[in-house]
Amino acid sequence: MKSLLDVGAISVSKNQLDLSKFDFRYITNLNDSKGTPIYYVYDVGYQPLDEENYLLFQE
């Protein structure tokens, strides 16, 4: 996942995450206090934008 993220935040497609062998079943933290869930894998977070795209960012 970090290989897709250079700086700040980017929008990535589910296909890009699948090609990088990302496993959506593995998360280390979940924040859903603002209505839309934000999933974390260590220091990288991702948030669904729609069914096919995600916002990817680093904390």
PDB file of N, CA and C in Angstrom:
ATOM      1  N   MET A   1       0.816  -1.175   0.000  1.00  0.00           N
ATOM      2  CA  MET A   1       0.000   0.000   0.000  1.00  0.00           C
ATOM      3  C   MET A   1       0.871   1.253   0.000  1.00  0.00           C
ATOM      4  N   LYS A   2       1.944   1.230   0.761  1.00  0.00           N
ATOM      5  CA  LYS A   2       2.826   2.404   0.798  1.00  0.00           C
ATOM      6  C   LYS A   2       3.473   2.671  -0.549  1.00  0.00           C
ATOM      7  N   SER A   3       3.613   1.645  -1.380  1.00  0.00           N
ATOM      8  CA  SER A   3       4.212   1.859  -2.701  1.00  0.00           C
ATOM      9  C   SER A   3       3.322   2.724  -3.580  1.00  0.00           C
ATOM     10  N   LEU A   4       2.017   2.761  -3.313  1.00  0.00           N
ATOM     11  CA  LEU A   4       1.100   3.603  -4.082  1.00  0.00           C
ATOM     12  C   LEU A   4       1.074   5.036  -3.568  1.00  0.00           C
ATOM     13  N   LEU A   5       1.541   5.224  -2.337  1.00  0.00           N
ATOM     14  CA  LEU A   5       1.431   6.515  -1.681  1.00  0.00           C
ATOM     15  C   LEU A   5       2.788   7.207  -1.632  1.00  0.00           C
ATOM     16  N   ASP A   6       2.942   8.282  -2.403  1.00  0.00           N
ATOM     17  CA  ASP A   6       4.185   9.045  -2.393  1.00  0.00           C
ATOM     18  C   ASP A   6       4.162  10.089  -1.284  1.00  0.00           C
ATOM     19  N   VAL A   7       3.216  10.987  -1.350  1.00  0.00           N
ATOM     20  CA  VAL A   7       3.088  12.041  -0.341  1.00  0.00           C
ATOM     21  C   VAL A   7       1.620  12.381  -0.143  1.00  0.00           C
ATOM     22  N   GLY A   8       1.279  12.829   1.043  1.00  0.00           N
ATOM     23  CA  GLY A   8      -0.068  13.322   1.306  1.00  0.00           C
ATOM     24  C   GLY A   8      -1.138  12.277   1.139  1.00  0.00           C
ATOM     25  N   ALA A   9      -2.091  12.561   0.270  1.00  0.00           N
ATOM     26  CA  ALA A   9      -3.229  11.676   0.050  1.00  0.00           C
ATOM     27  C   ALA A   9      -3.492  11.555  -1.443  1.00  0.00           C
ATOM     28  N   ILE A  10      -3.907  10.374  -1.861  1.00  0.00           N
ATOM     29  CA  ILE A  10      -4.247  10.148  -3.268  1.00  0.00           C
ATOM     30  C   ILE A  10      -5.512   9.309  -3.354  1.00  0.00           C
ATOM     31  N   SER A  11      -6.155   9.389  -4.488  1.00  0.00           N
ATOM     32  CA  SER A  11      -7.294   8.528  -4.789  1.00  0.00           C
ATOM     33  C   SER A  11      -6.785   7.350  -5.608  1.00  0.00           C
ATOM     34  N   VAL A  12      -7.122   6.135  -5.180  1.00  0.00           N
ATOM     35  CA  VAL A  12      -6.707   4.937  -5.899  1.00  0.00           C
ATOM     36  C   VAL A  12      -7.922   4.067  -6.162  1.00  0.00           C
ATOM     37  N   SER A  13      -7.853   3.309  -7.237  1.00  0.00           N
ATOM     38  CA  SER A  13      -8.958   2.412  -7.561  1.00  0.00           C
ATOM     39  C   SER A  13      -8.786   1.087  -6.826  1.00  0.00           C
ATOM     40  N   LYS A  14      -9.879   0.384  -6.660  1.00  0.00           N
ATOM     41  CA  LYS A  14      -9.830  -0.939  -6.037  1.00  0.00           C
ATOM     42  C   LYS A  14      -8.926  -1.853  -6.860  1.00  0.00           C
ATOM     43  N   ASN A  15      -8.950  -1.680  -8.166  1.00  0.00           N
ATOM     44  CA  ASN A  15      -8.110  -2.488  -9.049  1.00  0.00           C
ATOM     45  C   ASN A  15      -6.619  -2.261  -8.748  1.00  0.00           C
ATOM     46  N   GLN A  16      -6.213  -1.010  -8.530  1.00  0.00           N
ATOM     47  CA  GLN A  16      -4.813  -0.721  -8.193  1.00  0.00           C
ATOM     48  C   GLN A  16      -4.418  -1.400  -6.887  1.00  0.00           C
ATOM     49  N   LEU A  17      -5.306  -1.366  -5.901  1.00  0.00           N
ATOM     50  CA  LEU A  17      -5.023  -2.022  -4.625  1.00  0.00           C
ATOM     51  C   LEU A  17      -4.964  -3.531  -4.792  1.00  0.00           C
ATOM     52  N   ASP A  18      -5.857  -4.087  -5.595  1.00  0.00           N
ATOM     53  CA  ASP A  18      -5.839  -5.527  -5.857  1.00  0.00           C
ATOM     54  C   ASP A  18      -4.537  -5.939  -6.545  1.00  0.00           C
ATOM     55  N   LEU A  19      -4.082  -5.143  -7.506  1.00  0.00           N
ATOM     56  CA  LEU A  19      -2.837  -5.460  -8.217  1.00  0.00           C
ATOM     57  C   LEU A  19      -1.618  -5.405  -7.302  1.00  0.00           C
ATOM     58  N   SER A  20      -1.692  -4.580  -6.247  1.00  0.00           N
ATOM     59  CA  SER A  20      -0.576  -4.516  -5.302  1.00  0.00           C
ATOM     60  C   SER A  20      -0.733  -5.553  -4.176  1.00  0.00           C
ATOM     61  N   LYS A  21      -1.681  -6.488  -4.378  1.00  0.00           N
ATOM     62  CA  LYS A  21      -1.924  -7.595  -3.437  1.00  0.00           C
ATOM     63  C   LYS A  21      -2.426  -7.115  -2.079  1.00  0.00           C
ATOM     64  N   PHE A  22      -3.160  -5.999  -2.068  1.00  0.00           N
ATOM     65  CA  PHE A  22      -3.721  -5.478  -0.834  1.00  0.00           C
ATOM     66  C   PHE A  22      -4.838  -6.396  -0.364  1.00  0.00           C
ATOM     67  N   ASP A  23      -4.862  -6.698   0.948  1.00  0.00           N
ATOM     68  CA  ASP A  23      -5.878  -7.566   1.539  1.00  0.00           C
ATOM     69  C   ASP A  23      -6.821  -6.708   2.384  1.00  0.00           C
ATOM     70  N   PHE A  24      -8.040  -6.504   1.894  1.00  0.00           N
ATOM     71  CA  PHE A  24      -9.011  -5.655   2.575  1.00  0.00           C
ATOM     72  C   PHE A  24      -9.473  -6.248   3.907  1.00  0.00           C
ATOM     73  N   ARG A  25      -9.183  -7.491   4.165  1.00  0.00           N
ATOM     74  CA  ARG A  25      -9.601  -8.123   5.420  1.00  0.00           C
ATOM     75  C   ARG A  25      -8.683  -7.751   6.577  1.00  0.00           C
ATOM     76  N   TYR A  26      -7.502  -7.243   6.303  1.00  0.00           N
ATOM     77  CA  TYR A  26      -6.534  -6.935   7.342  1.00  0.00           C
ATOM     78  C   TYR A  26      -6.544  -5.448   7.666  1.00  0.00           C
ATOM     79  N   ILE A  27      -6.901  -5.102   8.901  1.00  0.00           N
ATOM     80  CA  ILE A  27      -6.838  -3.715   9.374  1.00  0.00           C
ATOM     81  C   ILE A  27      -6.267  -3.721  10.785  1.00  0.00           C
ATOM     82  N   THR A  28      -5.611  -2.640  11.160  1.00  0.00           N
ATOM     83  CA  THR A  28      -5.084  -2.533  12.516  1.00  0.00           C
ATOM     84  C   THR A  28      -5.883  -1.549  13.362  1.00  0.00           C
ATOM     85  N   ASN A  29      -6.716  -0.714  12.732  1.00  0.00           N
ATOM     86  CA  ASN A  29      -7.549   0.231  13.461  1.00  0.00           C
ATOM     87  C   ASN A  29      -8.706   0.662  12.576  1.00  0.00           C
ATOM     88  N   LEU A  30      -9.780   1.076  13.219  1.00  0.00           N
ATOM     89  CA  LEU A  30     -10.969   1.543  12.508  1.00  0.00           C
ATOM     90  C   LEU A  30     -11.499   2.764  13.237  1.00  0.00           C
ATOM     91  N   ASN A  31     -11.765   3.826  12.494  1.00  0.00           N
ATOM     92  CA  ASN A  31     -12.356   5.037  13.051  1.00  0.00           C
ATOM     93  C   ASN A  31     -13.622   5.329  12.258  1.00  0.00           C
ATOM     94  N   ASP A  32     -14.771   5.218  12.921  1.00  0.00           N
ATOM     95  CA  ASP A  32     -16.024   5.523  12.222  1.00  0.00           C
ATOM     96  C   ASP A  32     -16.824   6.583  12.966  1.00  0.00           C
ATOM     97  N   SER A  33     -16.129   7.455  13.672  1.00  0.00           N
ATOM     98  CA  SER A  33     -16.791   8.484  14.471  1.00  0.00           C
ATOM     99  C   SER A  33     -17.424   9.595  13.629  1.00  0.00           C
ATOM    100  N   LYS A  34     -16.981   9.752  12.395  1.00  0.00           N
ATOM    101  CA  LYS A  34     -17.517  10.824  11.551  1.00  0.00           C
ATOM    102  C   LYS A  34     -18.515  10.310  10.516  1.00  0.00           C
ATOM    103  N   GLY A  35     -19.006   9.094  10.682  1.00  0.00           N
ATOM    104  CA  GLY A  35     -20.010   8.563   9.775  1.00  0.00           C
ATOM    105  C   GLY A  35     -19.460   7.669   8.687  1.00  0.00           C
ATOM    106  N   THR A  36     -18.368   8.072   8.056  1.00  0.00           N
ATOM    107  CA  THR A  36     -17.736   7.254   7.027  1.00  0.00           C
ATOM    108  C   THR A  36     -16.535   6.552   7.653  1.00  0.00           C
ATOM    109  N   PRO A  37     -16.490   5.222   7.575  1.00  0.00           N
ATOM    110  CA  PRO A  37     -15.376   4.519   8.217  1.00  0.00           C
ATOM    111  C   PRO A  37     -14.027   4.836   7.571  1.00  0.00           C
ATOM    112  N   ILE A  38     -13.014   4.964   8.421  1.00  0.00           N
ATOM    113  CA  ILE A  38     -11.628   5.118   7.975  1.00  0.00           C
ATOM    114  C   ILE A  38     -10.877   3.917   8.519  1.00  0.00           C
ATOM    115  N   TYR A  39     -10.292   3.157   7.623  1.00  0.00           N
ATOM    116  CA  TYR A  39      -9.567   1.943   7.983  1.00  0.00           C
ATOM    117  C   TYR A  39      -8.072   2.246   7.997  1.00  0.00           C
ATOM    118  N   TYR A  40      -7.360   1.609   8.912  1.00  0.00           N
ATOM    119  CA  TYR A  40      -5.924   1.815   9.018  1.00  0.00           C
ATOM    120  C   TYR A  40      -5.184   0.481   8.965  1.00  0.00           C
ATOM    121  N   VAL A  41      -4.054   0.507   8.276  1.00  0.00           N
ATOM    122  CA  VAL A  41      -3.076  -0.578   8.319  1.00  0.00           C
ATOM    123  C   VAL A  41      -1.791   0.106   8.778  1.00  0.00           C
ATOM    124  N   TYR A  42      -1.545  -0.016  10.071  1.00  0.00           N
ATOM    125  CA  TYR A  42      -0.457   0.703  10.743  1.00  0.00           C
ATOM    126  C   TYR A  42      -0.610   2.204  10.532  1.00  0.00           C
ATOM    127  N   ASP A  43       0.295   2.889   9.864  1.00  0.00           N
ATOM    128  CA  ASP A  43       0.213   4.340   9.734  1.00  0.00           C
ATOM    129  C   ASP A  43      -0.399   4.809   8.414  1.00  0.00           C
ATOM    130  N   VAL A  44      -0.939   3.899   7.644  1.00  0.00           N
ATOM    131  CA  VAL A  44      -1.587   4.248   6.380  1.00  0.00           C
ATOM    132  C   VAL A  44      -3.089   4.034   6.532  1.00  0.00           C
ATOM    133  N   GLY A  45      -3.851   5.072   6.168  1.00  0.00           N
ATOM    134  CA  GLY A  45      -5.303   4.982   6.255  1.00  0.00           C
ATOM    135  C   GLY A  45      -5.933   4.974   4.878  1.00  0.00           C
ATOM    136  N   TYR A  46      -7.112   4.391   4.807  1.00  0.00           N
ATOM    137  CA  TYR A  46      -7.869   4.452   3.562  1.00  0.00           C
ATOM    138  C   TYR A  46      -9.349   4.575   3.884  1.00  0.00           C
ATOM    139  N   GLN A  47     -10.038   5.281   3.007  1.00  0.00           N
ATOM    140  CA  GLN A  47     -11.448   5.572   3.188  1.00  0.00           C
ATOM    141  C   GLN A  47     -12.155   5.362   1.852  1.00  0.00           C
ATOM    142  N   PRO A  48     -13.245   4.622   1.850  1.00  0.00           N
ATOM    143  CA  PRO A  48     -13.965   4.433   0.591  1.00  0.00           C
ATOM    144  C   PRO A  48     -14.575   5.750   0.100  1.00  0.00           C
ATOM    145  N   LEU A  49     -14.360   6.049  -1.176  1.00  0.00           N
ATOM    146  CA  LEU A  49     -14.989   7.210  -1.803  1.00  0.00           C
ATOM    147  C   LEU A  49     -16.271   6.800  -2.503  1.00  0.00           C
ATOM    148  N   ASP A  50     -16.233   5.633  -3.124  1.00  0.00           N
ATOM    149  CA  ASP A  50     -17.393   5.001  -3.741  1.00  0.00           C
ATOM    150  C   ASP A  50     -17.079   3.506  -3.820  1.00  0.00           C
ATOM    151  N   GLU A  51     -17.816   2.750  -4.614  1.00  0.00           N
ATOM    152  CA  GLU A  51     -17.605   1.297  -4.655  1.00  0.00           C
ATOM    153  C   GLU A  51     -16.273   0.887  -5.287  1.00  0.00           C
ATOM    154  N   GLU A  52     -15.675   1.743  -6.079  1.00  0.00           N
ATOM    155  CA  GLU A  52     -14.460   1.377  -6.804  1.00  0.00           C
ATOM    156  C   GLU A  52     -13.230   2.219  -6.475  1.00  0.00           C
ATOM    157  N   ASN A  53     -13.369   3.256  -5.670  1.00  0.00           N
ATOM    158  CA  ASN A  53     -12.254   4.168  -5.400  1.00  0.00           C
ATOM    159  C   ASN A  53     -12.096   4.434  -3.911  1.00  0.00           C
ATOM    160  N   TYR A  54     -10.820   4.626  -3.529  1.00  0.00           N
ATOM    161  CA  TYR A  54     -10.486   4.852  -2.128  1.00  0.00           C
ATOM    162  C   TYR A  54      -9.552   6.047  -2.000  1.00  0.00           C
ATOM    163  N   LEU A  55      -9.689   6.779  -0.901  1.00  0.00           N
ATOM    164  CA  LEU A  55      -8.729   7.816  -0.554  1.00  0.00           C
ATOM    165  C   LEU A  55      -7.683   7.150   0.310  1.00  0.00           C
ATOM    166  N   LEU A  56      -6.422   7.249  -0.084  1.00  0.00           N
ATOM    167  CA  LEU A  56      -5.306   6.621   0.603  1.00  0.00           C
ATOM    168  C   LEU A  56      -4.433   7.728   1.166  1.00  0.00           C
ATOM    169  N   PHE A  57      -4.082   7.657   2.456  1.00  0.00           N
ATOM    170  CA  PHE A  57      -3.282   8.707   3.072  1.00  0.00           C
ATOM    171  C   PHE A  57      -2.396   8.112   4.162  1.00  0.00           C
ATOM    172  N   GLN A  58      -1.372   8.863   4.510  1.00  0.00           N
ATOM    173  CA  GLN A  58      -0.450   8.420   5.548  1.00  0.00           C
ATOM    174  C   GLN A  58      -0.553   9.358   6.735  1.00  0.00           C
ATOM    175  N   GLU A  59      -0.649   8.792   7.914  1.00  0.00           N
ATOM    176  CA  GLU A  59      -0.727   9.572   9.159  1.00  0.00           C
ATOM    177  C   GLU A  59       0.636  10.042   9.566  1.00  0.00           C
TER     178      GLU A  59
END
